[in-house]
């Protein structure tokens, strides 16, 4: 298939055909062995892309494999209860992703049972945006459509020696795309940004296309990291007779509705000395968490949950971290 007219890359000094060849050759020999790369099942690719949103690869692998053991097919996921899906997702964070994944699975099964094969069709499903639709369509179905994430943006900006933003990024990515191997090429661009063309210390000596790069990593990094707000929070771990006292967030809560957590000690300070302290980061907030062993605060509305049932509940990531640190689970 012919490539689009090189409007944005017309002034580029690199040989695009050689760029594609070098990048794909490097990817074939150096790509990470990740479980979602072992077949082209669209369900598995879709699951991996949703899990990888705002989450590091190393953190996703274990969750991905456990989730598939519980829901090995689209039909299994569609038939599951939402609470079971959230329980399998528990600890991965950004739970709206799991809810949209479940909702989309039910829509596909109800409609035809056939997974959409084009980016345009995929974008009609809940929780699938432009990037995710392009990733699934190119990797699973060889649709010649480019993806743009933070890694691809960085590679393109350094390659061309100038900042590219908004729609221009998508146009530039589409122009450089390999139409013969679109899925592999998209993964290669992201892999290059994730493992070689790093934000702070790029490994230019290992880059397969460094000779074509206009900047050799001299382009200033656009934007600065957002400083995290620091907060202190305290929770009570009340355990009796093999059970833990937990509180369920209301279904109307703006964050993590329906998830289970430990009761929080309100106020600026706790009278009891925490038996455990740990850190927990969520987006722009860095929490210092104190855990007090004892009775739940007066008026706390919750229930006792047997330890044997904890694995079936959709726990918040922080609750799961605390229960693991205290050897409850």
Protein backbone atom coordinates (compact mmCIF):
# COMPACT_ATOMS: atom_id res chain seq x y z
CA UNK A 1 0.00 0.00 0.00
CA UNK A 2 1.31 3.46 -0.88
CA UNK A 3 2.16 5.95 1.81
CA UNK A 4 0.41 9.25 2.17
CA UNK A 5 1.91 12.41 0.73
CA UNK A 6 4.75 13.58 2.97
CA UNK A 7 3.35 17.00 3.80
CA UNK A 8 4.83 17.39 7.28
CA UNK A 9 7.99 15.44 6.55
CA UNK A 10 8.77 17.09 3.23
CA UNK A 11 11.69 19.00 4.74
CA UNK A 12 13.01 16.09 6.78
CA UNK A 13 16.62 15.09 6.12
CA UNK A 14 16.24 11.38 6.86
CA UNK A 15 15.42 8.55 4.47
CA UNK A 16 11.97 7.38 5.57
CA UNK A 17 12.24 3.96 3.94
CA UNK A 18 15.54 3.34 5.69
CA UNK A 19 14.08 4.64 8.94
CA UNK A 20 11.26 2.09 8.77
CA UNK A 21 13.65 -0.72 7.87
CA UNK A 22 16.10 0.07 10.69
CA UNK A 23 13.39 0.54 13.29
CA UNK A 24 11.55 -2.68 12.41
CA UNK A 25 14.80 -4.65 12.25
CA UNK A 26 15.70 -3.40 15.72
CA UNK A 27 12.23 -4.22 17.04
CA UNK A 28 12.38 -7.76 15.68
CA UNK A 29 15.61 -8.40 17.56
CA UNK A 30 15.13 -6.37 20.74
CA UNK A 31 11.43 -6.18 21.59
CA UNK A 32 10.47 -7.12 25.11
CA UNK A 33 8.80 -10.49 25.56
CA UNK A 34 5.39 -9.31 26.79
CA UNK A 35 2.43 -11.69 27.14
CA UNK A 36 0.10 -9.64 24.92
CA UNK A 37 2.60 -9.85 22.06
CA UNK A 38 2.39 -13.63 21.80
CA UNK A 39 -0.74 -13.69 19.64
CA UNK A 40 -3.05 -11.33 17.79
CA UNK A 41 -6.24 -12.06 19.67
CA UNK A 42 -8.04 -8.67 19.64
CA UNK A 43 -9.57 -9.30 23.06
CA UNK A 44 -6.14 -9.77 24.64
CA UNK A 45 -4.65 -6.80 22.80
CA UNK A 46 -7.60 -4.64 23.85
CA UNK A 47 -7.23 -5.73 27.48
CA UNK A 48 -3.52 -4.95 27.49
CA UNK A 49 -4.05 -1.49 25.97
CA UNK A 50 -6.68 -0.60 28.55
CA UNK A 51 -4.48 -1.83 31.41
CA UNK A 52 -1.45 0.04 30.08
CA UNK A 53 -3.24 3.39 30.15
CA UNK A 54 -1.40 5.49 32.77
CA UNK A 55 0.25 2.35 34.17
CA UNK A 56 3.79 1.01 33.81
CA UNK A 57 4.37 -2.19 31.86
CA UNK A 58 6.04 -3.90 34.81
CA UNK A 59 2.96 -3.30 36.96
CA UNK A 60 0.54 -4.57 34.29
CA UNK A 61 2.01 -7.98 33.43
CA UNK A 62 0.86 -9.82 36.55
CA UNK A 63 -2.60 -8.26 36.53
CA UNK A 64 -3.00 -9.05 32.84
CA UNK A 65 -2.20 -12.73 33.31
CA UNK A 66 -4.43 -13.09 36.39
CA UNK A 67 -7.31 -11.27 34.70
CA UNK A 68 -7.14 -13.59 31.70
CA UNK A 69 -7.17 -16.65 33.91
CA UNK A 70 -10.41 -15.37 35.41
CA UNK A 71 -11.93 -14.01 32.18
CA UNK A 72 -10.21 -15.86 29.29
CA UNK A 73 -12.62 -14.64 26.62
CA UNK A 74 -14.83 -11.73 25.67
CA UNK A 75 -17.93 -13.81 26.42
CA UNK A 76 -16.69 -14.70 29.90
CA UNK A 77 -16.04 -11.05 30.66
CA UNK A 78 -19.41 -9.95 29.31
CA UNK A 79 -21.26 -12.48 31.49
CA UNK A 80 -19.38 -11.58 34.68
CA UNK A 81 -20.73 -9.41 37.49
CA UNK A 82 -19.19 -5.95 37.74
CA UNK A 83 -18.05 -6.69 41.29
CA UNK A 84 -16.08 -9.71 40.02
CA UNK A 85 -14.44 -7.59 37.31
CA UNK A 86 -13.49 -4.90 39.82
CA UNK A 87 -12.12 -7.53 42.19
CA UNK A 88 -9.85 -8.88 39.45
CA UNK A 89 -8.78 -5.30 38.66
CA UNK A 90 -8.28 -4.35 42.31
CA UNK A 91 -4.90 -2.73 42.92
CA UNK A 92 -4.34 -1.64 39.33
CA UNK A 93 -6.11 1.69 39.87
CA UNK A 94 -8.17 3.95 37.61
CA UNK A 95 -11.19 1.70 38.05
CA UNK A 96 -13.25 3.49 35.44
CA UNK A 97 -11.14 1.57 32.91
CA UNK A 98 -12.44 -1.74 34.28
CA UNK A 99 -16.05 -0.55 34.26
CA UNK A 100 -15.79 0.66 30.66
CA UNK A 101 -14.04 -2.57 29.64
CA UNK A 102 -16.89 -4.59 31.12
CA UNK A 103 -19.53 -2.35 29.54
CA UNK A 104 -17.87 -2.55 26.12
CA UNK A 105 -17.63 -6.36 26.33
CA UNK A 106 -21.35 -6.59 27.02
CA UNK A 107 -22.13 -4.28 24.09
CA UNK A 108 -20.04 -6.34 21.65
CA UNK A 109 -21.57 -9.63 22.75
CA UNK A 110 -25.09 -8.19 22.66
CA UNK A 111 -24.58 -6.64 19.23
CA UNK A 112 -22.97 -9.42 17.20
CA UNK A 113 -20.31 -11.16 19.26
CA UNK A 114 -17.71 -10.15 16.66
CA UNK A 115 -14.95 -7.83 17.77
CA UNK A 116 -14.85 -4.58 15.71
CA UNK A 117 -11.94 -4.62 13.28
CA UNK A 118 -11.45 -0.95 12.36
CA UNK A 119 -10.41 2.04 14.44
CA UNK A 120 -13.62 3.86 13.50
CA UNK A 121 -15.77 0.98 14.74
CA UNK A 122 -13.70 0.53 17.90
CA UNK A 123 -14.14 4.18 18.87
CA UNK A 124 -17.87 3.57 19.14
CA UNK A 125 -17.25 1.38 22.21
CA UNK A 126 -17.13 2.75 25.77
CA UNK A 127 -13.66 3.54 27.06
CA UNK A 128 -11.91 3.36 23.68
CA UNK A 129 -10.40 6.59 22.43
CA UNK A 130 -8.34 7.50 19.41
CA UNK A 131 -5.06 6.00 20.58
CA UNK A 132 -6.52 2.73 21.87
CA UNK A 133 -8.65 2.24 18.75
CA UNK A 134 -5.63 2.76 16.48
CA UNK A 135 -3.45 0.44 18.57
CA UNK A 136 -5.96 -2.42 18.50
CA UNK A 137 -6.85 -1.99 14.83
CA UNK A 138 -3.22 -1.88 13.68
CA UNK A 139 -1.86 -4.65 15.92
CA UNK A 140 -4.77 -7.10 15.69
CA UNK A 141 -6.10 -6.34 12.20
CA UNK A 142 -3.21 -4.69 10.29
CA UNK A 143 -5.14 -1.48 9.67
CA UNK A 144 -2.58 1.09 8.42
CA UNK A 145 -3.28 3.68 11.09
CA UNK A 146 -0.69 5.31 13.34
CA UNK A 147 -0.75 5.67 17.10
CA UNK A 148 0.46 8.60 19.16
CA UNK A 149 1.32 8.40 22.84
CA UNK A 150 3.94 10.17 24.91
CA UNK A 151 6.70 7.88 23.66
CA UNK A 152 5.83 8.37 20.00
CA UNK A 153 5.60 12.13 20.49
CA UNK A 154 9.08 12.25 22.00
CA UNK A 155 10.60 10.13 19.24
CA UNK A 156 9.03 12.23 16.48
CA UNK A 157 10.03 15.53 18.08
CA UNK A 158 13.63 14.47 18.48
CA UNK A 159 13.72 12.87 15.06
CA UNK A 160 12.52 16.04 13.33
CA UNK A 161 14.25 18.49 15.65
CA UNK A 162 11.17 20.53 16.42
CA UNK A 163 8.16 20.45 18.72
CA UNK A 164 5.04 18.90 17.19
CA UNK A 165 1.72 19.05 18.96
CA UNK A 166 -1.97 18.30 18.56
CA UNK A 167 -3.20 17.08 15.18
CA UNK A 168 0.22 17.62 13.56
CA UNK A 169 1.55 14.77 15.69
CA UNK A 170 -1.00 12.34 14.30
CA UNK A 171 -0.31 13.48 10.75
CA UNK A 172 3.45 13.08 11.17
CA UNK A 173 3.02 9.63 12.73
CA UNK A 174 0.77 8.58 9.86
CA UNK A 175 3.28 9.79 7.26
CA UNK A 176 6.19 7.83 8.72
CA UNK A 177 4.11 4.68 9.36
CA UNK A 178 5.02 1.40 7.68
CA UNK A 179 1.93 0.33 5.75
CA UNK A 180 3.37 -3.17 5.32
CA UNK A 181 3.66 -3.82 9.07
CA UNK A 182 1.58 -1.11 10.80
CA UNK A 183 1.07 -2.97 14.07
CA UNK A 184 4.73 -3.87 14.49
CA UNK A 185 5.79 -0.37 13.48
CA UNK A 186 3.49 1.28 16.03
CA UNK A 187 4.81 -1.03 18.74
CA UNK A 188 8.38 -0.34 17.61
CA UNK A 189 7.90 3.42 17.92
CA UNK A 190 6.48 3.04 21.42
CA UNK A 191 9.18 0.52 22.38
CA UNK A 192 11.92 2.87 21.20
CA UNK A 193 10.52 5.68 23.32
CA UNK A 194 10.01 3.45 26.35
CA UNK A 195 13.42 1.74 26.38
CA UNK A 196 15.90 3.87 24.40
CA UNK A 197 14.67 7.38 23.59
CA UNK A 198 14.06 8.15 27.27
CA UNK A 199 12.88 11.55 28.54
CA UNK A 200 15.89 12.44 30.71
CA UNK A 201 18.78 10.19 29.69
CA UNK A 202 18.24 8.87 26.16
CA UNK A 203 20.47 5.96 25.16
CA UNK A 204 21.49 7.38 21.79
CA UNK A 205 24.35 4.90 21.37
CA UNK A 206 21.78 2.06 21.34
CA UNK A 207 19.30 3.76 19.03
CA UNK A 208 18.84 2.07 15.62
CA UNK A 209 17.92 5.39 13.97
CA UNK A 210 20.26 7.79 15.80
CA UNK A 211 22.06 8.77 12.59
CA UNK A 212 18.77 10.04 11.21
CA UNK A 213 17.86 11.99 14.34
CA UNK A 214 17.99 15.76 13.89
CA UNK A 215 18.71 16.46 17.53
CA UNK A 216 20.52 13.49 19.08
CA UNK A 217 18.45 14.25 22.22
CA UNK A 218 19.48 17.94 22.26
CA UNK A 219 15.88 19.11 21.97
CA UNK A 220 14.78 20.43 25.38
CA UNK A 221 12.15 18.30 27.02
CA UNK A 222 8.81 20.03 26.57
CA UNK A 223 7.06 20.84 29.80
CA UNK A 224 8.06 20.03 33.33
CA UNK A 225 6.86 17.31 35.63
CA UNK A 226 3.94 18.22 37.84
CA UNK A 227 4.97 18.58 41.47
CA UNK A 228 3.06 16.16 43.64
CA UNK A 229 0.99 17.44 46.55
CA UNK A 230 1.90 15.75 49.84
CA UNK A 231 -0.85 14.62 52.21
CA UNK A 232 -1.08 12.57 55.40
CA UNK A 233 -3.91 10.09 55.95
CA UNK A 234 -4.56 7.51 58.65
CA UNK A 235 -6.62 4.33 58.61
CA UNK A 236 -7.75 1.79 61.17
CA UNK A 237 -7.12 -1.91 60.75
CA UNK A 238 -9.74 -3.62 62.93
CA UNK A 239 -9.45 -7.41 62.77
CA UNK A 240 -11.36 -9.86 64.93
CA UNK A 241 -12.00 -13.57 64.71
CA UNK A 242 -10.57 -13.92 61.20
CA UNK A 243 -12.51 -10.95 59.81
CA UNK A 244 -11.65 -7.36 58.82
CA UNK A 245 -13.90 -4.33 59.24
CA UNK A 246 -14.33 -2.62 55.86
CA UNK A 247 -16.33 0.27 54.43
CA UNK A 248 -17.86 0.32 50.97
CA UNK A 249 -17.70 3.56 49.01
CA UNK A 250 -21.14 4.71 47.87
CA UNK A 251 -22.17 4.09 44.27
CA UNK A 252 -22.47 7.87 43.84
CA UNK A 253 -18.87 8.57 44.90
CA UNK A 254 -16.85 10.53 42.35
CA UNK A 255 -13.78 8.35 42.94
CA UNK A 256 -13.76 4.56 42.98
CA UNK A 257 -17.50 4.07 43.57
CA UNK A 258 -18.46 0.70 45.04
CA UNK A 259 -14.90 -0.09 46.12
CA UNK A 260 -14.05 -1.38 49.59
CA UNK A 261 -11.54 0.27 51.94
CA UNK A 262 -10.45 0.54 55.57
CA UNK A 263 -12.14 3.16 57.76
CA UNK A 264 -10.26 6.47 57.73
CA UNK A 265 -9.39 8.41 60.87
CA UNK A 266 -10.63 11.94 60.24
CA UNK A 267 -8.85 14.99 61.58
CA UNK A 268 -5.29 16.17 61.24
CA UNK A 269 -3.74 13.86 63.82
CA UNK A 270 -4.39 10.47 65.31
CA UNK A 271 -4.10 9.91 69.05
CA UNK A 272 -2.65 6.42 68.58
CA UNK A 273 0.81 5.70 67.25
CA UNK A 274 0.58 4.07 63.80
CA UNK A 275 1.82 0.49 63.76
CA UNK A 276 2.64 0.85 60.06
CA UNK A 277 3.50 3.74 57.77
CA UNK A 278 3.80 3.62 54.01
CA UNK A 279 3.66 5.84 50.95
CA UNK A 280 1.03 5.71 48.26
CA UNK A 281 0.95 7.90 45.15
CA UNK A 282 -2.10 8.65 43.02
CA UNK A 283 -1.62 10.97 40.02
CA UNK A 284 -0.50 14.31 41.54
CA UNK A 285 -0.86 13.37 45.22
CA UNK A 286 1.77 11.64 47.34
CA UNK A 287 0.20 10.19 50.49
CA UNK A 288 1.98 9.32 53.72
CA UNK A 289 -0.27 6.67 55.17
CA UNK A 290 -0.46 5.68 58.81
CA UNK A 291 -2.21 2.47 59.87
CA UNK A 292 -3.47 2.07 63.43
CA UNK A 293 -4.43 -1.36 64.75
CA UNK A 294 -7.55 -1.16 66.90
CA UNK A 295 -11.28 -0.57 66.93
CA UNK A 296 -12.95 1.23 64.06
CA UNK A 297 -14.02 4.82 64.78
CA UNK A 298 -17.39 5.33 66.42
CA UNK A 299 -20.11 5.73 63.85
CA UNK A 300 -18.18 4.04 61.06
CA UNK A 301 -20.69 2.38 58.74
CA UNK A 302 -19.31 -0.83 57.36
CA UNK A 303 -19.30 -4.57 57.87
CA UNK A 304 -17.08 -7.47 58.86
CA UNK A 305 -15.57 -9.41 55.99
CA UNK A 306 -13.95 -12.80 56.43
CA UNK A 307 -10.33 -12.93 55.27
CA UNK A 308 -11.26 -15.75 52.89
CA UNK A 309 -13.60 -13.37 51.03
CA UNK A 310 -11.16 -10.50 50.57
CA UNK A 311 -9.87 -11.79 47.24
CA UNK A 312 -13.39 -11.62 45.80
CA UNK A 313 -13.99 -7.98 46.76
CA UNK A 314 -13.06 -4.90 44.69
CA UNK A 315 -10.63 -3.35 47.15
CA UNK A 316 -9.07 0.05 46.59
CA UNK A 317 -5.40 -0.10 45.69
CA UNK A 318 -4.43 1.47 49.01
CA UNK A 319 -6.56 -0.98 51.02
CA UNK A 320 -4.97 -3.90 49.21
CA UNK A 321 -1.50 -2.48 49.83
CA UNK A 322 -2.21 -2.10 53.56
CA UNK A 323 -3.67 -5.59 53.87
CA UNK A 324 -0.66 -7.07 52.12
CA UNK A 325 1.79 -5.12 54.26
CA UNK A 326 0.06 -6.32 57.43
CA UNK A 327 0.00 -9.96 56.23
CA UNK A 328 -3.80 -10.07 56.12
CA UNK A 329 -3.74 -11.20 52.48
